[in-house]
Amino acid sequence: MSWMLVAAVLLATAGLLVLGVLAIRLWLGVRALAKGVDAASRALTEAAGDLAAAVPGR
């Protein structure tokens, strides 16, 4: 009976480790996406400024 308890604890620990690895991978992906969104936002802001400067009479 005690081997079942040990197996259950090991299985729960393995499950938590897998969830931890998945959470870290998700966090790294979100961080990379945020950097991409920031770069795109800066590029759009610069392009809007260039467009506004190119319009005569403003």
PDB file of N, CA and C in Angstrom:
ATOM      1  N   MET A   1       0.824  -1.196   0.000  1.00  0.00           N
ATOM      2  CA  MET A   1       0.000   0.000   0.000  1.00  0.00           C
ATOM      3  C   MET A   1       0.866   1.257   0.000  1.00  0.00           C
ATOM      4  N   SER A   2       2.027   1.252   0.647  1.00  0.00           N
ATOM      5  CA  SER A   2       2.851   2.454   0.693  1.00  0.00           C
ATOM      6  C   SER A   2       3.480   2.742  -0.676  1.00  0.00           C
ATOM      7  N   TRP A   3       3.677   1.700  -1.499  1.00  0.00           N
ATOM      8  CA  TRP A   3       4.229   1.948  -2.831  1.00  0.00           C
ATOM      9  C   TRP A   3       3.238   2.729  -3.688  1.00  0.00           C
ATOM     10  N   MET A   4       1.940   2.567  -3.435  1.00  0.00           N
ATOM     11  CA  MET A   4       0.944   3.336  -4.184  1.00  0.00           C
ATOM     12  C   MET A   4       1.010   4.808  -3.796  1.00  0.00           C
ATOM     13  N   LEU A   5       1.253   5.066  -2.537  1.00  0.00           N
ATOM     14  CA  LEU A   5       1.384   6.444  -2.082  1.00  0.00           C
ATOM     15  C   LEU A   5       2.614   7.096  -2.707  1.00  0.00           C
ATOM     16  N   VAL A   6       3.706   6.362  -2.737  1.00  0.00           N
ATOM     17  CA  VAL A   6       4.932   6.879  -3.348  1.00  0.00           C
ATOM     18  C   VAL A   6       4.701   7.132  -4.839  1.00  0.00           C
ATOM     19  N   ALA A   7       4.034   6.216  -5.508  1.00  0.00           N
ATOM     20  CA  ALA A   7       3.744   6.385  -6.940  1.00  0.00           C
ATOM     21  C   ALA A   7       2.853   7.599  -7.172  1.00  0.00           C
ATOM     22  N   ALA A   8       1.868   7.800  -6.327  1.00  0.00           N
ATOM     23  CA  ALA A   8       0.979   8.947  -6.480  1.00  0.00           C
ATOM     24  C   ALA A   8       1.735  10.259  -6.272  1.00  0.00           C
ATOM     25  N   VAL A   9       2.617  10.293  -5.287  1.00  0.00           N
ATOM     26  CA  VAL A   9       3.414  11.498  -5.033  1.00  0.00           C
ATOM     27  C   VAL A   9       4.359  11.764  -6.204  1.00  0.00           C
ATOM     28  N   LEU A  10       4.983  10.726  -6.721  1.00  0.00           N
ATOM     29  CA  LEU A  10       5.885  10.893  -7.860  1.00  0.00           C
ATOM     30  C   LEU A  10       5.130  11.361  -9.106  1.00  0.00           C
ATOM     31  N   LEU A  11       3.954  10.814  -9.322  1.00  0.00           N
ATOM     32  CA  LEU A  11       3.154  11.218 -10.470  1.00  0.00           C
ATOM     33  C   LEU A  11       2.703  12.678 -10.339  1.00  0.00           C
ATOM     34  N   ALA A  12       2.303  13.073  -9.151  1.00  0.00           N
ATOM     35  CA  ALA A  12       1.897  14.467  -8.928  1.00  0.00           C
ATOM     36  C   ALA A  12       3.083  15.406  -9.107  1.00  0.00           C
ATOM     37  N   THR A  13       4.244  15.012  -8.633  1.00  0.00           N
ATOM     38  CA  THR A  13       5.447  15.829  -8.793  1.00  0.00           C
ATOM     39  C   THR A  13       5.819  15.962 -10.264  1.00  0.00           C
ATOM     40  N   ALA A  14       5.748  14.871 -10.995  1.00  0.00           N
ATOM     41  CA  ALA A  14       6.044  14.918 -12.424  1.00  0.00           C
ATOM     42  C   ALA A  14       5.050  15.820 -13.151  1.00  0.00           C
ATOM     43  N   GLY A  15       3.800  15.754 -12.777  1.00  0.00           N
ATOM     44  CA  GLY A  15       2.789  16.616 -13.385  1.00  0.00           C
ATOM     45  C   GLY A  15       3.061  18.080 -13.126  1.00  0.00           C
ATOM     46  N   LEU A  16       3.459  18.402 -11.909  1.00  0.00           N
ATOM     47  CA  LEU A  16       3.780  19.794 -11.584  1.00  0.00           C
ATOM     48  C   LEU A  16       5.011  20.274 -12.340  1.00  0.00           C
ATOM     49  N   LEU A  17       5.993  19.390 -12.496  1.00  0.00           N
ATOM     50  CA  LEU A  17       7.180  19.758 -13.275  1.00  0.00           C
ATOM     51  C   LEU A  17       6.818  20.032 -14.734  1.00  0.00           C
ATOM     52  N   VAL A  18       5.966  19.212 -15.304  1.00  0.00           N
ATOM     53  CA  VAL A  18       5.532  19.425 -16.691  1.00  0.00           C
ATOM     54  C   VAL A  18       4.783  20.743 -16.813  1.00  0.00           C
ATOM     55  N   LEU A  19       3.901  21.019 -15.876  1.00  0.00           N
ATOM     56  CA  LEU A  19       3.173  22.290 -15.904  1.00  0.00           C
ATOM     57  C   LEU A  19       4.120  23.483 -15.756  1.00  0.00           C
ATOM     58  N   GLY A  20       5.141  23.336 -14.927  1.00  0.00           N
ATOM     59  CA  GLY A  20       6.126  24.399 -14.764  1.00  0.00           C
ATOM     60  C   GLY A  20       6.894  24.664 -16.048  1.00  0.00           C
ATOM     61  N   VAL A  21       7.303  23.603 -16.729  1.00  0.00           N
ATOM     62  CA  VAL A  21       8.027  23.760 -17.993  1.00  0.00           C
ATOM     63  C   VAL A  21       7.128  24.428 -19.033  1.00  0.00           C
ATOM     64  N   LEU A  22       5.876  24.009 -19.111  1.00  0.00           N
ATOM     65  CA  LEU A  22       4.948  24.627 -20.054  1.00  0.00           C
ATOM     66  C   LEU A  22       4.714  26.101 -19.728  1.00  0.00           C
ATOM     67  N   ALA A  23       4.640  26.433 -18.459  1.00  0.00           N
ATOM     68  CA  ALA A  23       4.440  27.829 -18.060  1.00  0.00           C
ATOM     69  C   ALA A  23       5.647  28.678 -18.447  1.00  0.00           C
ATOM     70  N   ILE A  24       6.845  28.143 -18.298  1.00  0.00           N
ATOM     71  CA  ILE A  24       8.050  28.882 -18.674  1.00  0.00           C
ATOM     72  C   ILE A  24       8.088  29.089 -20.185  1.00  0.00           C
ATOM     73  N   ARG A  25       7.740  28.058 -20.944  1.00  0.00           N
ATOM     74  CA  ARG A  25       7.709  28.195 -22.406  1.00  0.00           C
ATOM     75  C   ARG A  25       6.675  29.237 -22.834  1.00  0.00           C
ATOM     76  N   LEU A  26       5.530  29.237 -22.183  1.00  0.00           N
ATOM     77  CA  LEU A  26       4.490  30.226 -22.492  1.00  0.00           C
ATOM     78  C   LEU A  26       4.977  31.629 -22.175  1.00  0.00           C
ATOM     79  N   TRP A  27       5.622  31.802 -21.032  1.00  0.00           N
ATOM     80  CA  TRP A  27       6.131  33.107 -20.630  1.00  0.00           C
ATOM     81  C   TRP A  27       7.164  33.619 -21.632  1.00  0.00           C
ATOM     82  N   LEU A  28       8.051  32.746 -22.101  1.00  0.00           N
ATOM     83  CA  LEU A  28       9.049  33.155 -23.084  1.00  0.00           C
ATOM     84  C   LEU A  28       8.390  33.535 -24.408  1.00  0.00           C
ATOM     85  N   GLY A  29       7.364  32.799 -24.801  1.00  0.00           N
ATOM     86  CA  GLY A  29       6.641  33.135 -26.028  1.00  0.00           C
ATOM     87  C   GLY A  29       5.922  34.468 -25.926  1.00  0.00           C
ATOM     88  N   VAL A  30       5.308  34.722 -24.797  1.00  0.00           N
ATOM     89  CA  VAL A  30       4.603  35.996 -24.592  1.00  0.00           C
ATOM     90  C   VAL A  30       5.599  37.148 -24.585  1.00  0.00           C
ATOM     91  N   ARG A  31       6.755  36.926 -23.992  1.00  0.00           N
ATOM     92  CA  ARG A  31       7.780  37.964 -23.967  1.00  0.00           C
ATOM     93  C   ARG A  31       8.261  38.301 -25.378  1.00  0.00           C
ATOM     94  N   ALA A  32       8.469  37.273 -26.197  1.00  0.00           N
ATOM     95  CA  ALA A  32       8.890  37.500 -27.581  1.00  0.00           C
ATOM     96  C   ALA A  32       7.792  38.210 -28.373  1.00  0.00           C
ATOM     97  N   LEU A  33       6.547  37.826 -28.155  1.00  0.00           N
ATOM     98  CA  LEU A  33       5.428  38.487 -28.827  1.00  0.00           C
ATOM     99  C   LEU A  33       5.329  39.950 -28.410  1.00  0.00           C
ATOM    100  N   ALA A  34       5.529  40.233 -27.144  1.00  0.00           N
ATOM    101  CA  ALA A  34       5.467  41.615 -26.664  1.00  0.00           C
ATOM    102  C   ALA A  34       6.565  42.459 -27.305  1.00  0.00           C
ATOM    103  N   LYS A  35       7.741  41.883 -27.477  1.00  0.00           N
ATOM    104  CA  LYS A  35       8.817  42.622 -28.143  1.00  0.00           C
ATOM    105  C   LYS A  35       8.447  42.912 -29.594  1.00  0.00           C
ATOM    106  N   GLY A  36       7.840  41.952 -30.261  1.00  0.00           N
ATOM    107  CA  GLY A  36       7.412  42.161 -31.643  1.00  0.00           C
ATOM    108  C   GLY A  36       6.343  43.222 -31.752  1.00  0.00           C
ATOM    109  N   VAL A  37       5.388  43.208 -30.847  1.00  0.00           N
ATOM    110  CA  VAL A  37       4.322  44.214 -30.849  1.00  0.00           C
ATOM    111  C   VAL A  37       4.904  45.594 -30.570  1.00  0.00           C
ATOM    112  N   ASP A  38       5.854  45.668 -29.669  1.00  0.00           N
ATOM    113  CA  ASP A  38       6.491  46.954 -29.366  1.00  0.00           C
ATOM    114  C   ASP A  38       7.231  47.494 -30.585  1.00  0.00           C
ATOM    115  N   ALA A  39       7.954  46.640 -31.278  1.00  0.00           N
ATOM    116  CA  ALA A  39       8.686  47.071 -32.472  1.00  0.00           C
ATOM    117  C   ALA A  39       7.715  47.535 -33.555  1.00  0.00           C
ATOM    118  N   ALA A  40       6.627  46.811 -33.751  1.00  0.00           N
ATOM    119  CA  ALA A  40       5.637  47.199 -34.758  1.00  0.00           C
ATOM    120  C   ALA A  40       4.968  48.520 -34.385  1.00  0.00           C
ATOM    121  N   SER A  41       4.692  48.705 -33.118  1.00  0.00           N
ATOM    122  CA  SER A  41       4.066  49.952 -32.664  1.00  0.00           C
ATOM    123  C   SER A  41       4.990  51.136 -32.893  1.00  0.00           C
ATOM    124  N   ARG A  42       6.260  50.951 -32.604  1.00  0.00           N
ATOM    125  CA  ARG A  42       7.226  52.038 -32.833  1.00  0.00           C
ATOM    126  C   ARG A  42       7.351  52.352 -34.321  1.00  0.00           C
ATOM    127  N   ALA A  43       7.348  51.318 -35.157  1.00  0.00           N
ATOM    128  CA  ALA A  43       7.437  51.530 -36.603  1.00  0.00           C
ATOM    129  C   ALA A  43       6.202  52.266 -37.121  1.00  0.00           C
ATOM    130  N   LEU A  44       5.033  51.906 -36.623  1.00  0.00           N
ATOM    131  CA  LEU A  44       3.808  52.595 -37.038  1.00  0.00           C
ATOM    132  C   LEU A  44       3.811  54.054 -36.584  1.00  0.00           C
ATOM    133  N   THR A  45       4.282  54.308 -35.394  1.00  0.00           N
ATOM    134  CA  THR A  45       4.351  55.678 -34.893  1.00  0.00           C
ATOM    135  C   THR A  45       5.300  56.510 -35.746  1.00  0.00           C
ATOM    136  N   GLU A  46       6.435  55.934 -36.103  1.00  0.00           N
ATOM    137  CA  GLU A  46       7.386  56.648 -36.947  1.00  0.00           C
ATOM    138  C   GLU A  46       6.809  56.898 -38.340  1.00  0.00           C
ATOM    139  N   ALA A  47       6.128  55.892 -38.894  1.00  0.00           N
ATOM    140  CA  ALA A  47       5.527  56.055 -40.213  1.00  0.00           C
ATOM    141  C   ALA A  47       4.418  57.113 -40.184  1.00  0.00           C
ATOM    142  N   ALA A  48       3.640  57.150 -39.124  1.00  0.00           N
ATOM    143  CA  ALA A  48       2.590  58.168 -39.006  1.00  0.00           C
ATOM    144  C   ALA A  48       3.199  59.556 -38.911  1.00  0.00           C
ATOM    145  N   GLY A  49       4.301  59.684 -38.199  1.00  0.00           N
ATOM    146  CA  GLY A  49       4.982  60.981 -38.122  1.00  0.00           C
ATOM    147  C   GLY A  49       5.530  61.400 -39.470  1.00  0.00           C
ATOM    148  N   ASP A  50       6.109  60.461 -40.208  1.00  0.00           N
ATOM    149  CA  ASP A  50       6.615  60.768 -41.553  1.00  0.00           C
ATOM    150  C   ASP A  50       5.477  61.174 -42.484  1.00  0.00           C
ATOM    151  N   LEU A  51       4.365  60.490 -42.382  1.00  0.00           N
ATOM    152  CA  LEU A  51       3.213  60.806 -43.233  1.00  0.00           C
ATOM    153  C   LEU A  51       2.660  62.192 -42.882  1.00  0.00           C
ATOM    154  N   ALA A  52       2.586  62.481 -41.614  1.00  0.00           N
ATOM    155  CA  ALA A  52       2.075  63.791 -41.206  1.00  0.00           C
ATOM    156  C   ALA A  52       3.018  64.897 -41.669  1.00  0.00           C
ATOM    157  N   ALA A  53       4.311  64.633 -41.658  1.00  0.00           N
ATOM    158  CA  ALA A  53       5.274  65.639 -42.107  1.00  0.00           C
ATOM    159  C   ALA A  53       5.222  65.834 -43.624  1.00  0.00           C
ATOM    160  N   ALA A  54       4.790  64.815 -44.343  1.00  0.00           N
ATOM    161  CA  ALA A  54       4.758  64.896 -45.804  1.00  0.00           C
ATOM    162  C   ALA A  54       3.509  65.593 -46.316  1.00  0.00           C
ATOM    163  N   VAL A  55       2.497  65.727 -45.488  1.00  0.00           N
ATOM    164  CA  VAL A  55       1.253  66.376 -45.927  1.00  0.00           C
ATOM    165  C   VAL A  55       1.455  67.885 -45.891  1.00  0.00           C
ATOM    166  N   PRO A  56       1.264  68.574 -47.054  1.00  0.00           N
ATOM    167  CA  PRO A  56       1.462  70.022 -47.061  1.00  0.00           C
ATOM    168  C   PRO A  56       0.307  70.766 -46.372  1.00  0.00           C
ATOM    169  N   GLY A  57       0.625  71.891 -45.794  1.00  0.00           N
ATOM    170  CA  GLY A  57      -0.391  72.737 -45.185  1.00  0.00           C
ATOM    171  C   GLY A  57      -0.785  72.327 -43.776  1.00  0.00           C
ATOM    172  N   ARG A  58      -0.035  71.485 -43.130  1.00  0.00           N
ATOM    173  CA  ARG A  58      -0.393  71.083 -41.759  1.00  0.00           C
ATOM    174  C   ARG A  58       0.697  71.467 -40.822  1.00  0.00           C
TER     175      ARG A  58
END
